[in-house]
Amino acid sequence: MSILEEQFLLFKIDEEKEDFEEIKITVNPLCTLLDPKFIFLIVDPLDKEIWIWHGSNATIRMKFIATQKAPKIRDKYGVDFKISAVDEGDESPKFKEIIGLE
């Protein structure tokens, strides 16, 4: 398991299944895996944070599913994890650092 895999977990919304599916992180930086047509959930177990990244072309339905399913993933790793939503193009400096945009 790489250092990147140990630090972050990545999930992508599957609109058909109405749930998140885990994506194996094989490349660095994470931003290369993000696609504007989808919503991704990034779990940072070290900082106890979960980021829901909304791609600019993600549907309203995907956003609704992500909002409903994110707590399920949070509960799997720790109920004290903070969940934050991030829109593509409006990422915070901290988030940009995490995904490798800065």
C-alpha atoms as a PDB file:
ATOM      1  CA  MET A   1       0.000   0.000   0.000  1.00  0.00           C
ATOM      2  CA  SER A   2       1.451   3.377  -1.023  1.00  0.00           C
ATOM      3  CA  ILE A   3       1.662   6.419   1.228  1.00  0.00           C
ATOM      4  CA  LEU A   4      -1.046   8.046  -0.911  1.00  0.00           C
ATOM      5  CA  GLU A   5      -3.372   5.075  -0.391  1.00  0.00           C
ATOM      6  CA  GLU A   6      -2.666   5.057   3.335  1.00  0.00           C
ATOM      7  CA  GLN A   7      -3.566   8.728   3.656  1.00  0.00           C
ATOM      8  CA  PHE A   8      -6.559   9.092   1.336  1.00  0.00           C
ATOM      9  CA  LEU A   9      -9.494   7.012   0.171  1.00  0.00           C
ATOM     10  CA  LEU A  10     -11.341   7.961  -3.001  1.00  0.00           C
ATOM     11  CA  PHE A  11     -14.935   7.175  -3.931  1.00  0.00           C
ATOM     12  CA  LYS A  12     -16.884   8.047  -7.092  1.00  0.00           C
ATOM     13  CA  ILE A  13     -20.644   8.364  -7.295  1.00  0.00           C
ATOM     14  CA  ASP A  14     -22.371   5.674  -9.314  1.00  0.00           C
ATOM     15  CA  GLU A  15     -25.651   7.262 -10.367  1.00  0.00           C
ATOM     16  CA  GLU A  16     -27.140   3.968 -11.553  1.00  0.00           C
ATOM     17  CA  LYS A  17     -26.460   2.144  -8.265  1.00  0.00           C
ATOM     18  CA  GLU A  18     -27.206   5.324  -6.277  1.00  0.00           C
ATOM     19  CA  ASP A  19     -24.124   4.860  -4.145  1.00  0.00           C
ATOM     20  CA  PHE A  20     -20.397   5.538  -3.995  1.00  0.00           C
ATOM     21  CA  GLU A  21     -17.875   3.024  -5.282  1.00  0.00           C
ATOM     22  CA  GLU A  22     -14.286   3.010  -4.067  1.00  0.00           C
ATOM     23  CA  ILE A  23     -11.634   3.938  -6.631  1.00  0.00           C
ATOM     24  CA  LYS A  24      -8.134   2.529  -6.261  1.00  0.00           C
ATOM     25  CA  ILE A  25      -5.643   5.369  -6.111  1.00  0.00           C
ATOM     26  CA  THR A  26      -2.849   4.520  -8.494  1.00  0.00           C
ATOM     27  CA  VAL A  27      -1.706   7.957  -9.622  1.00  0.00           C
ATOM     28  CA  ASN A  28      -0.475  11.074  -7.942  1.00  0.00           C
ATOM     29  CA  PRO A  29      -1.794  13.779  -7.807  1.00  0.00           C
ATOM     30  CA  LEU A  30      -5.422  12.987  -7.056  1.00  0.00           C
ATOM     31  CA  CYS A  31      -6.657  15.794  -9.306  1.00  0.00           C
ATOM     32  CA  THR A  32      -5.820  13.642 -12.341  1.00  0.00           C
ATOM     33  CA  LEU A  33      -8.582  11.216 -11.288  1.00  0.00           C
ATOM     34  CA  LEU A  34     -11.315  13.841 -10.864  1.00  0.00           C
ATOM     35  CA  ASP A  35     -13.780  14.138 -13.752  1.00  0.00           C
ATOM     36  CA  PRO A  36     -16.160  17.142 -14.088  1.00  0.00           C
ATOM     37  CA  LYS A  37     -19.044  14.790 -14.988  1.00  0.00           C
ATOM     38  CA  PHE A  38     -18.979  13.094 -11.583  1.00  0.00           C
ATOM     39  CA  ILE A  39     -18.936  13.608  -7.849  1.00  0.00           C
ATOM     40  CA  PHE A  40     -16.070  12.246  -5.804  1.00  0.00           C
ATOM     41  CA  LEU A  41     -15.703  11.716  -2.113  1.00  0.00           C
ATOM     42  CA  ILE A  42     -12.218  11.935  -0.612  1.00  0.00           C
ATOM     43  CA  VAL A  43     -11.628  10.549   2.878  1.00  0.00           C
ATOM     44  CA  ASP A  44      -8.656  11.936   4.802  1.00  0.00           C
ATOM     45  CA  PRO A  45      -8.350   9.652   7.855  1.00  0.00           C
ATOM     46  CA  LEU A  46      -5.392  11.578   9.295  1.00  0.00           C
ATOM     47  CA  ASP A  47      -7.240  14.900   9.500  1.00  0.00           C
ATOM     48  CA  LYS A  48     -10.641  13.218   9.995  1.00  0.00           C
ATOM     49  CA  GLU A  49     -12.189  14.995   7.038  1.00  0.00           C
ATOM     50  CA  ILE A  50     -14.391  13.924   4.169  1.00  0.00           C
ATOM     51  CA  TRP A  51     -14.595  16.101   1.083  1.00  0.00           C
ATOM     52  CA  ILE A  52     -17.450  15.818  -1.418  1.00  0.00           C
ATOM     53  CA  TRP A  53     -16.152  17.266  -4.688  1.00  0.00           C
ATOM     54  CA  HIS A  54     -18.886  18.236  -7.144  1.00  0.00           C
ATOM     55  CA  GLY A  55     -17.709  18.227 -10.745  1.00  0.00           C
ATOM     56  CA  SER A  56     -18.984  21.197 -12.749  1.00  0.00           C
ATOM     57  CA  ASN A  57     -21.046  18.900 -15.005  1.00  0.00           C
ATOM     58  CA  ALA A  58     -22.472  16.658 -12.262  1.00  0.00           C
ATOM     59  CA  THR A  59     -26.253  16.385 -12.231  1.00  0.00           C
ATOM     60  CA  ILE A  60     -28.532  17.588  -9.456  1.00  0.00           C
ATOM     61  CA  ARG A  61     -29.548  13.955  -8.938  1.00  0.00           C
ATOM     62  CA  MET A  62     -25.896  12.988  -8.359  1.00  0.00           C
ATOM     63  CA  LYS A  63     -25.536  15.800  -5.823  1.00  0.00           C
ATOM     64  CA  PHE A  64     -28.635  14.587  -3.997  1.00  0.00           C
ATOM     65  CA  ILE A  65     -27.370  10.985  -3.916  1.00  0.00           C
ATOM     66  CA  ALA A  66     -23.944  12.123  -2.692  1.00  0.00           C
ATOM     67  CA  THR A  67     -25.491  14.155   0.125  1.00  0.00           C
ATOM     68  CA  GLN A  68     -27.586  11.167   1.207  1.00  0.00           C
ATOM     69  CA  LYS A  69     -24.772   8.575   1.011  1.00  0.00           C
ATOM     70  CA  ALA A  70     -21.784  10.523   2.406  1.00  0.00           C
ATOM     71  CA  PRO A  71     -22.795  10.015   6.071  1.00  0.00           C
ATOM     72  CA  LYS A  72     -22.813   6.230   5.502  1.00  0.00           C
ATOM     73  CA  ILE A  73     -19.170   6.363   4.413  1.00  0.00           C
ATOM     74  CA  ARG A  74     -18.321   8.754   7.250  1.00  0.00           C
ATOM     75  CA  ASP A  75     -19.832   6.375   9.797  1.00  0.00           C
ATOM     76  CA  LYS A  76     -17.650   3.573   8.418  1.00  0.00           C
ATOM     77  CA  TYR A  77     -14.469   5.508   9.259  1.00  0.00           C
ATOM     78  CA  GLY A  78     -15.530   7.622  12.237  1.00  0.00           C
ATOM     79  CA  VAL A  79     -18.622   9.560  13.247  1.00  0.00           C
ATOM     80  CA  ASP A  80     -16.403  12.472  14.258  1.00  0.00           C
ATOM     81  CA  PHE A  81     -15.207  13.080  10.675  1.00  0.00           C
ATOM     82  CA  LYS A  82     -16.167  16.477   9.265  1.00  0.00           C
ATOM     83  CA  ILE A  83     -17.959  16.425   5.881  1.00  0.00           C
ATOM     84  CA  SER A  84     -17.379  19.390   3.547  1.00  0.00           C
ATOM     85  CA  ALA A  85     -18.772  20.006   0.066  1.00  0.00           C
ATOM     86  CA  VAL A  86     -16.524  21.515  -2.602  1.00  0.00           C
ATOM     87  CA  ASP A  87     -17.566  22.742  -6.038  1.00  0.00           C
ATOM     88  CA  GLU A  88     -15.186  22.422  -8.964  1.00  0.00           C
ATOM     89  CA  GLY A  89     -13.567  25.796  -9.562  1.00  0.00           C
ATOM     90  CA  ASP A  90     -14.271  26.964  -6.000  1.00  0.00           C
ATOM     91  CA  GLU A  91     -11.833  24.718  -4.115  1.00  0.00           C
ATOM     92  CA  SER A  92     -10.177  25.998  -0.938  1.00  0.00           C
ATOM     93  CA  PRO A  93      -6.369  26.235  -0.765  1.00  0.00           C
ATOM     94  CA  LYS A  94      -6.319  23.268   1.645  1.00  0.00           C
ATOM     95  CA  PHE A  95      -8.372  21.115  -0.740  1.00  0.00           C
ATOM     96  CA  LYS A  96      -6.207  22.137  -3.710  1.00  0.00           C
ATOM     97  CA  GLU A  97      -3.152  21.024  -1.748  1.00  0.00           C
ATOM     98  CA  ILE A  98      -4.760  17.658  -0.938  1.00  0.00           C
ATOM     99  CA  ILE A  99      -5.635  16.862  -4.559  1.00  0.00           C
ATOM    100  CA  GLY A 100      -2.434  18.316  -5.996  1.00  0.00           C
ATOM    101  CA  LEU A 101      -3.686  21.470  -7.712  1.00  0.00           C
ATOM    102  CA  GLU A 102      -1.123  23.600  -5.845  1.00  0.00           C
END
